[in-house]
Amino acid sequence: MAVKASTTEKTVKPKRAPRAKKVTKAEAVPKLRIRVRAYEHKILDASIKQILDVAFRFDATIQGPIPLPTEIKKYTVNRASFVYKNAREQFEMRVHKRLIDIINPSPKLIEALTNLSLPSGVTIDVKML
């Protein structure tokens, strides 16, 4: 007859490491996210430089400018109106985009950015995160 081992011995499981604490909205640092869009990259870069100059003047911490993928819209149009169906022209519009994050912006910086005059053809979206 086989003898069973005593059941009083317990197996000890190793303890888990403590989990990382989740960051709540109250603890999060305010961030100003600026998305800049333009059809011409030279005008876009000039306006980005103006925004960065204003931000550096107020000693803000900046992430970026981060280049986002260029959005390309292509259009195909018939050259002739009637007979020549195979003769076509193709056009495209390129929208260049950049992203800038300003961490913990001051009220003076936000006011300076709203008063900033940028060239026409540049679109700016500002979000507070």
C-alpha atoms as a PDB file:
ATOM      1  CA  MET A   1       0.000   0.000   0.000  1.00  0.00           C
ATOM      2  CA  ALA A   2       1.323   3.442  -0.961  1.00  0.00           C
ATOM      3  CA  VAL A   3       1.680   6.121   1.640  1.00  0.00           C
ATOM      4  CA  LYS A   4       0.297   9.570   0.813  1.00  0.00           C
ATOM      5  CA  ALA A   5       2.275  12.698   1.527  1.00  0.00           C
ATOM      6  CA  SER A   6       0.906  14.891   4.221  1.00  0.00           C
ATOM      7  CA  THR A   7      -1.550  17.521   3.026  1.00  0.00           C
ATOM      8  CA  THR A   8      -0.547  20.053   5.657  1.00  0.00           C
ATOM      9  CA  GLU A   9       2.234  21.459   3.459  1.00  0.00           C
ATOM     10  CA  LYS A  10       1.068  24.464   1.457  1.00  0.00           C
ATOM     11  CA  THR A  11       2.492  25.629  -1.821  1.00  0.00           C
ATOM     12  CA  VAL A  12       3.467  29.294  -1.628  1.00  0.00           C
ATOM     13  CA  LYS A  13       2.622  31.439  -4.644  1.00  0.00           C
ATOM     14  CA  PRO A  14       4.989  34.278  -5.464  1.00  0.00           C
ATOM     15  CA  LYS A  15       3.515  37.744  -4.909  1.00  0.00           C
ATOM     16  CA  ARG A  16       2.800  39.973  -7.879  1.00  0.00           C
ATOM     17  CA  ALA A  17       4.560  43.264  -8.358  1.00  0.00           C
ATOM     18  CA  PRO A  18       2.326  46.274  -7.624  1.00  0.00           C
ATOM     19  CA  ARG A  19       0.557  47.700 -10.651  1.00  0.00           C
ATOM     20  CA  ALA A  20       1.347  51.112 -12.029  1.00  0.00           C
ATOM     21  CA  LYS A  21      -1.008  53.827 -10.865  1.00  0.00           C
ATOM     22  CA  LYS A  22      -3.348  55.164 -13.530  1.00  0.00           C
ATOM     23  CA  VAL A  23      -3.156  58.875 -14.219  1.00  0.00           C
ATOM     24  CA  THR A  24      -6.480  60.582 -13.707  1.00  0.00           C
ATOM     25  CA  LYS A  25      -7.686  63.752 -15.395  1.00  0.00           C
ATOM     26  CA  ALA A  26      -6.998  65.806 -12.263  1.00  0.00           C
ATOM     27  CA  GLU A  27      -3.331  64.728 -12.176  1.00  0.00           C
ATOM     28  CA  ALA A  28      -2.741  65.169 -15.920  1.00  0.00           C
ATOM     29  CA  VAL A  29      -0.686  68.132 -17.082  1.00  0.00           C
ATOM     30  CA  PRO A  30      -2.620  70.527 -19.347  1.00  0.00           C
ATOM     31  CA  LYS A  31      -1.459  70.435 -22.933  1.00  0.00           C
ATOM     32  CA  LEU A  32      -2.186  72.673 -25.910  1.00  0.00           C
ATOM     33  CA  ARG A  33      -2.286  70.720 -29.188  1.00  0.00           C
ATOM     34  CA  ILE A  34      -1.895  72.784 -32.361  1.00  0.00           C
ATOM     35  CA  ARG A  35      -2.527  71.216 -35.789  1.00  0.00           C
ATOM     36  CA  VAL A  36      -1.406  73.334 -38.722  1.00  0.00           C
ATOM     37  CA  ARG A  37      -2.434  72.575 -42.329  1.00  0.00           C
ATOM     38  CA  ALA A  38      -1.504  74.246 -45.619  1.00  0.00           C
ATOM     39  CA  TYR A  39      -1.272  73.521 -49.326  1.00  0.00           C
ATOM     40  CA  GLU A  40       2.298  74.857 -49.634  1.00  0.00           C
ATOM     41  CA  HIS A  41       4.998  73.482 -47.371  1.00  0.00           C
ATOM     42  CA  LYS A  42       7.113  76.655 -47.420  1.00  0.00           C
ATOM     43  CA  ILE A  43       4.270  78.777 -46.058  1.00  0.00           C
ATOM     44  CA  LEU A  44       3.527  76.051 -43.524  1.00  0.00           C
ATOM     45  CA  ASP A  45       7.119  75.979 -42.269  1.00  0.00           C
ATOM     46  CA  ALA A  46       7.189  79.788 -42.002  1.00  0.00           C
ATOM     47  CA  SER A  47       4.015  79.830 -39.906  1.00  0.00           C
ATOM     48  CA  ILE A  48       5.355  77.011 -37.696  1.00  0.00           C
ATOM     49  CA  LYS A  49       8.481  79.093 -37.115  1.00  0.00           C
ATOM     50  CA  GLN A  50       6.320  82.043 -36.017  1.00  0.00           C
ATOM     51  CA  ILE A  51       4.427  79.837 -33.546  1.00  0.00           C
ATOM     52  CA  LEU A  52       7.668  78.405 -32.137  1.00  0.00           C
ATOM     53  CA  ASP A  53       9.181  81.888 -31.746  1.00  0.00           C
ATOM     54  CA  VAL A  54       6.179  82.995 -29.701  1.00  0.00           C
ATOM     55  CA  ALA A  55       6.336  79.840 -27.574  1.00  0.00           C
ATOM     56  CA  PHE A  56      10.084  80.227 -26.920  1.00  0.00           C
ATOM     57  CA  ARG A  57       9.551  83.871 -25.954  1.00  0.00           C
ATOM     58  CA  PHE A  58       7.290  82.710 -23.092  1.00  0.00           C
ATOM     59  CA  ASP A  59       9.616  79.807 -22.075  1.00  0.00           C
ATOM     60  CA  ALA A  60       7.148  77.048 -22.905  1.00  0.00           C
ATOM     61  CA  THR A  61       8.065  73.379 -23.204  1.00  0.00           C
ATOM     62  CA  ILE A  62       7.357  72.206 -26.725  1.00  0.00           C
ATOM     63  CA  GLN A  63       7.047  68.845 -28.436  1.00  0.00           C
ATOM     64  CA  GLY A  64       7.322  69.091 -32.177  1.00  0.00           C
ATOM     65  CA  PRO A  65       6.778  70.171 -34.854  1.00  0.00           C
ATOM     66  CA  ILE A  66       5.844  66.636 -35.823  1.00  0.00           C
ATOM     67  CA  PRO A  67       5.232  66.158 -39.559  1.00  0.00           C
ATOM     68  CA  LEU A  68       2.024  64.244 -40.210  1.00  0.00           C
ATOM     69  CA  PRO A  69       1.380  62.323 -43.441  1.00  0.00           C
ATOM     70  CA  THR A  70       0.600  64.491 -46.453  1.00  0.00           C
ATOM     71  CA  GLU A  71      -2.992  64.129 -47.571  1.00  0.00           C
ATOM     72  CA  ILE A  72      -3.171  63.707 -51.367  1.00  0.00           C
ATOM     73  CA  LYS A  73      -6.473  64.144 -53.197  1.00  0.00           C
ATOM     74  CA  LYS A  74      -6.406  63.054 -56.841  1.00  0.00           C
ATOM     75  CA  TYR A  75      -8.919  64.065 -59.509  1.00  0.00           C
ATOM     76  CA  THR A  76      -9.235  62.654 -63.037  1.00  0.00           C
ATOM     77  CA  VAL A  77     -10.994  64.778 -65.676  1.00  0.00           C
ATOM     78  CA  ASN A  78     -11.790  64.135 -69.364  1.00  0.00           C
ATOM     79  CA  ARG A  79      -9.793  66.413 -71.685  1.00  0.00           C
ATOM     80  CA  ALA A  80     -12.403  66.494 -74.431  1.00  0.00           C
ATOM     81  CA  SER A  81     -16.105  66.781 -73.911  1.00  0.00           C
ATOM     82  CA  PHE A  82     -17.368  64.186 -76.412  1.00  0.00           C
ATOM     83  CA  VAL A  83     -15.364  61.720 -78.527  1.00  0.00           C
ATOM     84  CA  TYR A  84     -11.946  61.319 -76.922  1.00  0.00           C
ATOM     85  CA  LYS A  85     -12.863  59.253 -73.878  1.00  0.00           C
ATOM     86  CA  ASN A  86      -9.313  57.956 -73.345  1.00  0.00           C
ATOM     87  CA  ALA A  87      -7.727  61.410 -73.242  1.00  0.00           C
ATOM     88  CA  ARG A  88      -7.760  62.373 -69.570  1.00  0.00           C
ATOM     89  CA  GLU A  89      -5.964  64.747 -67.243  1.00  0.00           C
ATOM     90  CA  GLN A  90      -5.076  64.061 -63.635  1.00  0.00           C
ATOM     91  CA  PHE A  91      -4.806  66.720 -60.944  1.00  0.00           C
ATOM     92  CA  GLU A  92      -3.884  66.451 -57.312  1.00  0.00           C
ATOM     93  CA  MET A  93      -4.092  68.590 -54.185  1.00  0.00           C
ATOM     94  CA  ARG A  94      -1.563  68.044 -51.422  1.00  0.00           C
ATOM     95  CA  VAL A  95      -2.352  69.081 -47.858  1.00  0.00           C
ATOM     96  CA  HIS A  96       0.747  69.268 -45.664  1.00  0.00           C
ATOM     97  CA  LYS A  97       0.224  68.915 -41.896  1.00  0.00           C
ATOM     98  CA  ARG A  98       2.256  69.534 -38.751  1.00  0.00           C
ATOM     99  CA  LEU A  99       1.527  68.946 -35.065  1.00  0.00           C
ATOM    100  CA  ILE A 100       2.867  70.945 -32.108  1.00  0.00           C
ATOM    101  CA  ASP A 101       2.237  70.171 -28.424  1.00  0.00           C
ATOM    102  CA  ILE A 102       2.807  72.903 -25.847  1.00  0.00           C
ATOM    103  CA  ILE A 103       2.948  71.458 -22.353  1.00  0.00           C
ATOM    104  CA  ASN A 104       1.538  73.483 -19.453  1.00  0.00           C
ATOM    105  CA  PRO A 105       0.901  76.736 -21.384  1.00  0.00           C
ATOM    106  CA  SER A 106       0.586  80.037 -19.543  1.00  0.00           C
ATOM    107  CA  PRO A 107      -2.363  82.387 -20.113  1.00  0.00           C
ATOM    108  CA  LYS A 108      -0.015  84.982 -21.643  1.00  0.00           C
ATOM    109  CA  LEU A 109       1.199  82.421 -24.182  1.00  0.00           C
ATOM    110  CA  ILE A 110      -2.365  81.510 -25.163  1.00  0.00           C
ATOM    111  CA  GLU A 111      -3.221  85.183 -25.610  1.00  0.00           C
ATOM    112  CA  ALA A 112      -0.108  85.753 -27.733  1.00  0.00           C
ATOM    113  CA  LEU A 113      -0.972  82.764 -29.937  1.00  0.00           C
ATOM    114  CA  THR A 114      -4.525  84.017 -30.500  1.00  0.00           C
ATOM    115  CA  ASN A 115      -3.219  87.456 -31.566  1.00  0.00           C
ATOM    116  CA  LEU A 116      -0.708  85.920 -33.985  1.00  0.00           C
ATOM    117  CA  SER A 117      -1.315  86.822 -37.633  1.00  0.00           C
ATOM    118  CA  LEU A 118      -0.436  84.015 -40.035  1.00  0.00           C
ATOM    119  CA  PRO A 119      -0.417  83.995 -43.856  1.00  0.00           C
ATOM    120  CA  SER A 120      -3.563  83.130 -45.768  1.00  0.00           C
ATOM    121  CA  GLY A 121      -3.898  79.491 -46.761  1.00  0.00           C
ATOM    122  CA  VAL A 122      -2.814  78.229 -43.337  1.00  0.00           C
ATOM    123  CA  THR A 123      -5.442  76.509 -41.181  1.00  0.00           C
ATOM    124  CA  ILE A 124      -4.929  76.104 -37.449  1.00  0.00           C
ATOM    125  CA  ASP A 125      -6.815  73.811 -35.054  1.00  0.00           C
ATOM    126  CA  VAL A 126      -6.114  74.350 -31.348  1.00  0.00           C
ATOM    127  CA  LYS A 127      -7.239  71.876 -28.688  1.00  0.00           C
ATOM    128  CA  MET A 128      -6.741  71.883 -24.940  1.00  0.00           C
ATOM    129  CA  LEU A 129      -5.993  68.354 -23.691  1.00  0.00           C
END
